[in-house]
N, C-alpha and C. Protein backbone atom coordinates (compact mmCIF):
# COMPACT_ATOMS: atom_id res chain seq x y z
N MET A 1 -167.20 -129.49 53.91
CA MET A 1 -166.57 -130.06 52.84
C MET A 1 -167.52 -131.17 52.31
N ASP A 2 -167.97 -131.23 51.09
CA ASP A 2 -168.82 -132.21 50.41
C ASP A 2 -168.08 -133.40 50.15
N CYS A 3 -166.85 -133.31 49.70
CA CYS A 3 -166.14 -134.48 49.13
C CYS A 3 -164.58 -134.11 48.87
N CYS A 4 -163.79 -135.06 49.07
CA CYS A 4 -162.49 -135.02 48.78
C CYS A 4 -161.77 -136.26 48.20
N ILE A 5 -161.39 -136.28 47.06
CA ILE A 5 -160.77 -137.40 46.33
C ILE A 5 -159.32 -137.19 46.05
N THR A 6 -158.61 -138.23 46.66
CA THR A 6 -157.08 -138.00 46.48
C THR A 6 -156.65 -139.24 45.71
N ALA A 7 -155.86 -139.00 44.80
CA ALA A 7 -155.13 -140.09 43.99
C ALA A 7 -153.63 -140.02 44.16
N ARG A 8 -153.03 -141.21 44.45
CA ARG A 8 -151.59 -141.25 44.65
C ARG A 8 -150.93 -142.41 43.70
N PRO A 9 -149.63 -142.22 43.35
CA PRO A 9 -149.10 -143.41 42.70
C PRO A 9 -148.77 -144.51 43.66
N ASN A 10 -148.75 -145.87 43.20
CA ASN A 10 -148.54 -146.89 44.08
C ASN A 10 -147.09 -147.07 44.43
N CYS A 11 -146.74 -146.84 45.72
CA CYS A 11 -145.33 -146.96 46.07
C CYS A 11 -145.43 -148.04 47.22
N SER A 12 -145.27 -149.17 46.83
CA SER A 12 -145.30 -150.27 47.85
C SER A 12 -144.02 -150.57 48.51
N LEU A 13 -142.87 -150.08 48.02
CA LEU A 13 -141.58 -150.44 48.62
C LEU A 13 -141.30 -149.28 49.59
N SER A 14 -141.04 -149.72 50.88
CA SER A 14 -140.53 -148.85 51.82
C SER A 14 -139.10 -148.24 51.79
N ARG A 15 -138.68 -147.35 52.46
CA ARG A 15 -137.29 -146.83 52.46
C ARG A 15 -136.33 -147.86 52.64
N SER A 16 -136.52 -148.53 53.78
CA SER A 16 -135.64 -149.71 54.04
C SER A 16 -135.63 -150.77 53.03
N GLY A 17 -136.82 -151.07 52.47
CA GLY A 17 -136.95 -152.07 51.34
C GLY A 17 -136.04 -151.56 50.09
N LYS A 18 -136.10 -150.25 49.79
CA LYS A 18 -135.47 -149.86 48.71
C LYS A 18 -133.81 -149.94 48.94
N ILE A 19 -133.43 -149.62 50.18
CA ILE A 19 -132.06 -149.70 50.48
C ILE A 19 -131.73 -151.24 50.33
N LEU A 20 -132.46 -152.08 50.87
CA LEU A 20 -132.05 -153.48 50.84
C LEU A 20 -131.93 -154.00 49.42
N VAL A 21 -132.92 -153.68 48.52
CA VAL A 21 -132.83 -154.04 47.11
C VAL A 21 -131.59 -153.34 46.37
N LEU A 22 -131.33 -152.16 46.68
CA LEU A 22 -130.16 -151.56 46.04
C LEU A 22 -128.93 -152.20 46.63
N ALA A 23 -128.75 -152.41 47.88
CA ALA A 23 -127.60 -153.06 48.44
C ALA A 23 -127.33 -154.40 47.80
N SER A 24 -128.47 -155.24 47.69
CA SER A 24 -128.38 -156.60 47.14
C SER A 24 -128.04 -156.46 45.62
N LEU A 25 -128.57 -155.68 44.95
CA LEU A 25 -128.12 -155.35 43.49
C LEU A 25 -126.69 -155.16 43.33
N PHE A 26 -126.29 -154.13 44.25
CA PHE A 26 -124.91 -153.79 44.08
C PHE A 26 -124.01 -154.74 44.51
N LEU A 27 -124.30 -155.55 45.60
CA LEU A 27 -123.49 -156.69 45.98
C LEU A 27 -123.34 -157.73 44.80
N ILE A 28 -124.37 -158.10 44.37
CA ILE A 28 -124.44 -159.19 43.30
C ILE A 28 -123.57 -158.76 41.99
N LEU A 29 -123.88 -157.50 41.63
CA LEU A 29 -123.17 -156.95 40.40
C LEU A 29 -121.70 -156.78 40.70
N SER A 30 -121.40 -156.32 41.90
CA SER A 30 -119.79 -156.18 42.26
C SER A 30 -119.15 -157.38 42.24
N VAL A 31 -119.72 -158.49 42.90
CA VAL A 31 -119.14 -159.70 42.93
C VAL A 31 -118.99 -160.38 41.51
N THR A 32 -119.98 -160.35 40.79
CA THR A 32 -120.00 -160.85 39.33
C THR A 32 -118.89 -160.08 38.48
N ALA A 33 -118.91 -158.76 38.67
CA ALA A 33 -117.94 -158.07 38.00
C ALA A 33 -116.44 -158.33 38.33
N TRP A 34 -116.21 -158.51 39.62
CA TRP A 34 -114.85 -158.83 40.07
C TRP A 34 -114.46 -160.38 39.57
N VAL A 35 -115.39 -161.22 39.69
CA VAL A 35 -115.12 -162.60 39.19
C VAL A 35 -114.63 -162.48 37.68
N PHE A 36 -115.37 -161.74 36.93
CA PHE A 36 -114.93 -161.76 35.48
C PHE A 36 -113.64 -161.02 35.33
N ALA A 37 -113.43 -159.94 36.17
CA ALA A 37 -112.17 -159.16 36.10
C ALA A 37 -110.99 -160.16 36.28
N MET A 38 -111.27 -161.00 37.39
CA MET A 38 -110.11 -161.85 37.83
C MET A 38 -109.83 -163.05 36.68
N MET A 39 -110.81 -163.21 35.96
CA MET A 39 -110.69 -164.11 34.82
C MET A 39 -109.98 -163.50 33.63
N GLY A 40 -109.74 -162.21 33.68
CA GLY A 40 -109.12 -161.45 32.53
C GLY A 40 -109.98 -160.50 31.84
N ALA A 41 -111.33 -160.48 32.11
CA ALA A 41 -112.20 -159.67 31.39
C ALA A 41 -112.35 -158.41 32.25
N TRP A 42 -111.18 -157.61 32.41
CA TRP A 42 -111.28 -156.45 33.08
C TRP A 42 -112.22 -155.27 32.64
N PRO A 43 -112.46 -155.19 31.24
CA PRO A 43 -113.38 -154.13 30.86
C PRO A 43 -114.83 -154.25 31.48
N VAL A 44 -115.02 -155.36 32.06
CA VAL A 44 -116.43 -155.48 32.81
C VAL A 44 -116.55 -154.47 33.87
N LEU A 45 -115.52 -154.06 34.51
CA LEU A 45 -115.64 -153.25 35.71
C LEU A 45 -116.19 -151.88 35.51
N PRO A 46 -115.69 -151.04 34.48
CA PRO A 46 -116.36 -149.80 34.33
C PRO A 46 -117.80 -149.94 33.77
N PHE A 47 -118.18 -150.99 33.00
CA PHE A 47 -119.48 -151.15 32.81
C PHE A 47 -120.47 -151.49 33.92
N ALA A 48 -119.83 -152.22 34.82
CA ALA A 48 -120.59 -152.61 36.10
C ALA A 48 -120.80 -151.26 36.84
N GLY A 49 -119.75 -150.54 36.92
CA GLY A 49 -119.93 -149.30 37.61
C GLY A 49 -121.08 -148.29 37.03
N LEU A 50 -121.00 -148.35 35.77
CA LEU A 50 -122.00 -147.43 34.95
C LEU A 50 -123.43 -148.01 35.27
N GLU A 51 -123.57 -149.38 35.19
CA GLU A 51 -124.79 -150.05 35.46
C GLU A 51 -125.29 -149.66 36.79
N MET A 52 -124.41 -149.64 37.94
CA MET A 52 -124.68 -149.29 39.27
C MET A 52 -125.36 -147.76 39.36
N LEU A 53 -124.57 -147.00 38.59
CA LEU A 53 -125.05 -145.62 38.51
C LEU A 53 -126.56 -145.48 37.87
N VAL A 54 -126.66 -146.11 36.82
CA VAL A 54 -128.03 -146.07 36.16
C VAL A 54 -129.03 -146.53 37.11
N VAL A 55 -128.82 -147.68 37.74
CA VAL A 55 -129.79 -148.09 38.72
C VAL A 55 -130.11 -147.17 39.90
N LEU A 56 -129.05 -146.58 40.41
CA LEU A 56 -129.21 -145.54 41.48
C LEU A 56 -129.95 -144.32 40.89
N LEU A 57 -129.67 -143.96 39.72
CA LEU A 57 -130.55 -142.87 39.10
C LEU A 57 -131.92 -143.04 39.00
N ALA A 58 -132.24 -144.31 38.60
CA ALA A 58 -133.57 -144.71 38.44
C ALA A 58 -134.39 -144.72 39.70
N PHE A 59 -133.62 -145.36 40.78
CA PHE A 59 -134.24 -145.17 42.14
C PHE A 59 -134.44 -143.88 42.69
N TYR A 60 -133.50 -142.89 42.40
CA TYR A 60 -133.60 -141.60 42.76
C TYR A 60 -134.94 -140.89 42.22
N GLN A 61 -134.97 -141.13 40.73
CA GLN A 61 -136.03 -140.52 39.98
C GLN A 61 -137.46 -141.14 40.62
N ILE A 62 -137.59 -142.33 40.91
CA ILE A 62 -138.75 -142.93 41.50
C ILE A 62 -138.97 -142.33 42.81
N SER A 63 -138.00 -142.07 43.72
CA SER A 63 -138.34 -141.49 44.98
C SER A 63 -138.60 -140.06 44.92
N CYS A 64 -138.28 -139.26 43.87
CA CYS A 64 -138.61 -138.02 43.77
C CYS A 64 -140.20 -137.88 43.44
N HIS A 65 -140.82 -138.83 42.92
CA HIS A 65 -142.28 -138.73 42.48
C HIS A 65 -143.08 -139.54 43.46
N GLU A 66 -142.52 -140.15 44.57
CA GLU A 66 -143.45 -141.13 45.39
C GLU A 66 -144.47 -140.33 46.36
N ARG A 67 -144.23 -138.97 46.41
CA ARG A 67 -145.24 -138.20 47.19
C ARG A 67 -146.16 -137.40 46.21
N ASP A 68 -146.11 -137.71 44.91
CA ASP A 68 -147.04 -136.97 44.00
C ASP A 68 -148.53 -137.30 44.34
N TYR A 69 -149.35 -136.50 43.99
CA TYR A 69 -150.89 -136.78 44.14
C TYR A 69 -151.72 -135.82 43.40
N GLU A 70 -152.91 -136.12 43.19
CA GLU A 70 -153.93 -135.32 42.68
C GLU A 70 -155.15 -135.27 43.60
N ARG A 71 -155.63 -134.20 44.09
CA ARG A 71 -156.71 -134.14 45.03
C ARG A 71 -157.70 -133.17 44.44
N ILE A 72 -158.95 -133.71 44.46
CA ILE A 72 -160.11 -132.98 44.09
C ILE A 72 -161.00 -132.76 45.36
N THR A 73 -161.35 -131.52 45.61
CA THR A 73 -162.05 -131.14 46.82
C THR A 73 -163.31 -130.35 46.31
N ILE A 74 -164.39 -130.81 46.75
CA ILE A 74 -165.73 -130.19 46.46
C ILE A 74 -166.31 -129.62 47.72
N ALA A 75 -166.51 -128.36 47.83
CA ALA A 75 -167.06 -127.82 49.04
C ALA A 75 -167.88 -126.48 48.67
N GLY A 76 -169.19 -126.79 49.06
CA GLY A 76 -170.09 -125.68 48.50
C GLY A 76 -170.16 -125.54 47.10
N ASN A 77 -169.98 -124.39 46.49
CA ASN A 77 -170.02 -124.10 45.22
C ASN A 77 -168.67 -124.14 44.53
N ARG A 78 -167.66 -124.71 45.26
CA ARG A 78 -166.30 -124.61 44.75
C ARG A 78 -165.79 -125.97 44.53
N LEU A 79 -165.11 -126.05 43.40
CA LEU A 79 -164.22 -127.39 43.03
C LEU A 79 -162.83 -127.00 42.95
N VAL A 80 -161.98 -127.54 43.73
CA VAL A 80 -160.59 -127.28 43.89
C VAL A 80 -159.79 -128.53 43.29
N LEU A 81 -158.91 -128.29 42.40
CA LEU A 81 -158.08 -129.34 41.89
C LEU A 81 -156.60 -129.00 42.28
N GLU A 82 -156.07 -129.80 42.95
CA GLU A 82 -154.49 -129.64 43.57
C GLU A 82 -153.70 -130.88 43.07
N ARG A 83 -152.71 -130.56 42.50
CA ARG A 83 -151.75 -131.46 41.96
C ARG A 83 -150.31 -131.27 42.56
N ARG A 84 -149.61 -132.25 42.83
CA ARG A 84 -148.22 -132.24 43.21
C ARG A 84 -147.44 -133.14 42.33
N ASP A 85 -146.48 -132.56 41.60
CA ASP A 85 -145.46 -133.25 40.83
C ASP A 85 -144.12 -132.93 41.14
N ASN A 86 -143.45 -133.90 41.87
CA ASN A 86 -142.18 -133.67 42.49
C ASN A 86 -142.23 -132.66 43.53
N VAL A 87 -141.68 -131.49 43.36
CA VAL A 87 -141.92 -130.44 44.30
C VAL A 87 -142.73 -129.32 43.90
N ARG A 88 -143.29 -129.35 42.66
CA ARG A 88 -144.23 -128.38 42.08
C ARG A 88 -145.72 -128.76 42.50
N VAL A 89 -146.46 -127.74 43.24
CA VAL A 89 -147.85 -127.93 43.45
C VAL A 89 -148.53 -126.83 42.67
N GLU A 90 -149.69 -127.32 41.96
CA GLU A 90 -150.50 -126.45 41.22
C GLU A 90 -151.90 -126.57 41.83
N ARG A 91 -152.54 -125.44 41.78
CA ARG A 91 -153.95 -125.51 42.29
C ARG A 91 -154.75 -124.62 41.47
N SER A 92 -155.95 -125.34 41.05
CA SER A 92 -157.05 -124.73 40.07
C SER A 92 -158.32 -124.63 40.92
N GLU A 93 -159.05 -123.55 40.76
CA GLU A 93 -160.37 -123.58 41.35
C GLU A 93 -161.49 -123.26 40.38
N TYR A 94 -162.49 -124.06 40.58
CA TYR A 94 -163.65 -123.92 39.54
C TYR A 94 -164.93 -123.54 40.40
N ASN A 95 -165.98 -123.16 39.67
CA ASN A 95 -167.25 -122.98 40.15
C ASN A 95 -167.86 -124.41 39.84
N ARG A 96 -168.43 -124.84 40.91
CA ARG A 96 -169.00 -126.27 40.93
C ARG A 96 -170.04 -126.42 39.82
N CYS A 97 -170.85 -125.37 39.73
CA CYS A 97 -172.07 -125.52 38.63
C CYS A 97 -171.55 -125.34 37.26
N TRP A 98 -170.45 -124.67 36.99
CA TRP A 98 -169.98 -124.58 35.69
C TRP A 98 -168.94 -125.62 35.18
N ALA A 99 -168.36 -126.36 36.17
CA ALA A 99 -167.51 -127.43 35.76
C ALA A 99 -168.13 -128.58 35.12
N GLN A 100 -167.49 -129.03 34.10
CA GLN A 100 -168.03 -130.33 33.37
C GLN A 100 -166.89 -131.51 33.30
N VAL A 101 -167.51 -132.68 33.52
CA VAL A 101 -166.47 -133.73 33.47
C VAL A 101 -166.49 -134.40 31.97
N VAL A 102 -165.40 -134.51 31.42
CA VAL A 102 -165.18 -135.08 30.14
C VAL A 102 -164.56 -136.49 30.13
N LEU A 103 -165.35 -137.38 29.75
CA LEU A 103 -164.85 -138.88 29.75
C LEU A 103 -164.70 -139.29 28.19
N GLN A 104 -163.48 -139.66 27.85
CA GLN A 104 -163.27 -140.19 26.52
C GLN A 104 -162.59 -141.56 26.49
N CYS A 105 -163.26 -142.60 26.14
CA CYS A 105 -162.65 -143.89 26.10
C CYS A 105 -162.68 -144.35 24.67
N GLN A 106 -161.57 -144.75 24.14
CA GLN A 106 -161.19 -145.12 22.84
C GLN A 106 -161.55 -146.49 22.72
N THR A 107 -160.98 -147.18 21.65
CA THR A 107 -160.95 -148.63 21.55
C THR A 107 -160.18 -149.29 22.47
N VAL A 108 -160.30 -150.72 22.44
CA VAL A 108 -159.43 -151.52 23.39
C VAL A 108 -158.06 -151.20 23.20
N GLY A 109 -157.30 -151.22 24.16
CA GLY A 109 -155.88 -150.97 24.05
C GLY A 109 -155.36 -149.61 24.38
N GLN A 110 -156.26 -148.61 24.35
CA GLN A 110 -156.02 -147.25 24.40
C GLN A 110 -156.59 -146.76 25.78
N GLN A 111 -155.86 -145.83 26.36
CA GLN A 111 -156.44 -145.25 27.65
C GLN A 111 -157.55 -144.43 27.65
N CYS A 112 -158.36 -144.53 28.62
CA CYS A 112 -159.47 -143.68 28.93
C CYS A 112 -158.88 -142.32 29.30
N ARG A 113 -159.69 -141.19 28.98
CA ARG A 113 -159.02 -139.72 29.37
C ARG A 113 -160.24 -139.14 30.14
N VAL A 114 -159.93 -138.67 31.34
CA VAL A 114 -160.89 -137.81 32.20
C VAL A 114 -160.33 -136.40 32.25
N ALA A 115 -161.27 -135.48 32.12
CA ALA A 115 -160.76 -134.15 32.25
C ALA A 115 -161.94 -133.16 32.80
N LEU A 116 -161.45 -132.21 33.49
CA LEU A 116 -162.41 -131.16 33.92
C LEU A 116 -162.49 -129.91 32.99
N ARG A 117 -163.55 -129.52 32.63
CA ARG A 117 -163.72 -128.39 31.61
C ARG A 117 -164.50 -127.28 32.28
N SER A 118 -163.96 -126.11 32.14
CA SER A 118 -164.73 -124.99 32.57
C SER A 118 -164.28 -123.82 31.78
N HIS A 119 -165.18 -122.92 31.21
CA HIS A 119 -164.82 -121.76 30.56
C HIS A 119 -163.76 -121.85 29.46
N GLY A 120 -163.78 -122.83 28.88
CA GLY A 120 -162.94 -123.15 27.71
C GLY A 120 -161.69 -123.72 28.06
N ALA A 121 -161.29 -123.83 29.35
CA ALA A 121 -160.02 -124.55 29.86
C ALA A 121 -160.30 -125.88 30.25
N GLU A 122 -159.31 -126.74 30.05
CA GLU A 122 -159.50 -128.24 30.18
C GLU A 122 -158.36 -128.67 31.08
N GLN A 123 -158.51 -129.54 31.98
CA GLN A 123 -157.48 -130.16 32.70
C GLN A 123 -157.60 -131.57 32.94
N GLU A 124 -156.72 -132.31 32.41
CA GLU A 124 -156.83 -133.75 32.47
C GLU A 124 -156.53 -134.34 33.96
N LEU A 125 -157.29 -135.29 34.44
CA LEU A 125 -157.23 -135.98 35.66
C LEU A 125 -156.81 -137.49 35.57
N GLY A 126 -156.46 -137.96 36.72
CA GLY A 126 -156.30 -139.51 36.86
C GLY A 126 -155.09 -140.08 36.27
N ARG A 127 -153.89 -139.39 36.26
CA ARG A 127 -152.65 -139.91 35.85
C ARG A 127 -152.15 -141.02 36.76
N HIS A 128 -152.69 -141.14 37.95
CA HIS A 128 -152.11 -142.24 38.84
C HIS A 128 -153.15 -143.30 38.82
N LEU A 129 -154.22 -143.36 38.02
CA LEU A 129 -155.30 -144.36 37.97
C LEU A 129 -155.20 -145.13 36.63
N ASN A 130 -155.88 -146.42 36.94
CA ASN A 130 -156.03 -147.17 35.57
C ASN A 130 -157.38 -146.84 34.96
N ASP A 131 -157.66 -147.39 33.74
CA ASP A 131 -158.76 -147.06 32.94
C ASP A 131 -160.16 -147.24 33.84
N GLU A 132 -160.25 -148.37 34.57
CA GLU A 132 -161.48 -148.68 35.25
C GLU A 132 -161.60 -147.61 36.59
N GLN A 133 -160.50 -147.13 37.11
CA GLN A 133 -160.67 -146.15 38.14
C GLN A 133 -160.83 -144.82 37.50
N ARG A 134 -160.40 -144.54 36.30
CA ARG A 134 -160.74 -143.19 35.63
C ARG A 134 -162.22 -143.21 35.34
N THR A 135 -162.76 -144.29 34.86
CA THR A 135 -164.11 -144.20 34.52
C THR A 135 -165.04 -144.08 35.79
N GLU A 136 -164.59 -144.63 36.90
CA GLU A 136 -165.30 -144.54 38.15
C GLU A 136 -165.26 -143.16 38.65
N LEU A 137 -164.13 -142.59 38.65
CA LEU A 137 -163.87 -141.17 38.95
C LEU A 137 -164.69 -140.18 38.20
N ALA A 138 -164.78 -140.39 36.88
CA ALA A 138 -165.64 -139.57 36.11
C ALA A 138 -167.12 -139.64 36.40
N HIS A 139 -167.66 -140.84 36.80
CA HIS A 139 -168.98 -141.07 37.13
C HIS A 139 -169.29 -140.33 38.50
N GLN A 140 -168.22 -140.60 39.50
CA GLN A 140 -168.43 -139.83 40.69
C GLN A 140 -168.39 -138.49 40.79
N LEU A 141 -167.60 -137.88 39.89
CA LEU A 141 -167.59 -136.41 39.77
C LEU A 141 -168.82 -135.85 39.08
N GLU A 142 -169.25 -136.65 37.97
CA GLU A 142 -170.61 -136.21 37.40
C GLU A 142 -171.73 -136.20 38.36
N TRP A 143 -171.72 -137.19 39.34
CA TRP A 143 -172.83 -137.33 40.33
C TRP A 143 -172.62 -136.17 41.31
N ARG A 144 -171.41 -135.87 41.83
CA ARG A 144 -171.14 -134.89 43.00
C ARG A 144 -171.31 -133.48 42.27
N LEU A 145 -171.02 -133.28 41.05
CA LEU A 145 -171.23 -131.87 40.49
C LEU A 145 -172.51 -131.32 40.16
N GLY A 146 -173.55 -132.36 40.15
CA GLY A 146 -174.84 -132.02 39.85
C GLY A 146 -175.34 -130.72 40.73
N CYS A 147 -175.67 -129.62 40.21
CA CYS A 147 -176.20 -128.40 40.78
C CYS A 147 -177.51 -128.28 40.63
N GLN A 148 -178.25 -127.94 41.72
CA GLN A 148 -179.71 -127.80 41.81
C GLN A 148 -180.09 -126.36 41.45
């Protein structure tokens, strides 16, 4: 294997950390809602429950995508692009000498775009990277794809 580049989203909060954050949020929200309910503002309770549900759904959505990745493997004359999005895994294979790297950077404030192009098909790369990392990825791939 000549090279393997893997990009993953930044998931800095551990499972126990997520549970602690959720428990803290639910405790604070529950106490606040009950205090207002005891003061006569009982309509706060259903909205507090709805808010807890929305926060729980947001954390669930985040946890579904924490194992996503993009992996580029260059071995011999082959370039393999593998992506995982939630539970779906896609795999594309290219001839190393025919693959081209496309880098498009617009004006300030807009994102850079990196793609692999071969035989009229184009696949975008670097959805887990910032602009600087995308540019570095494009330069690394151009250097590694050079065929003699």
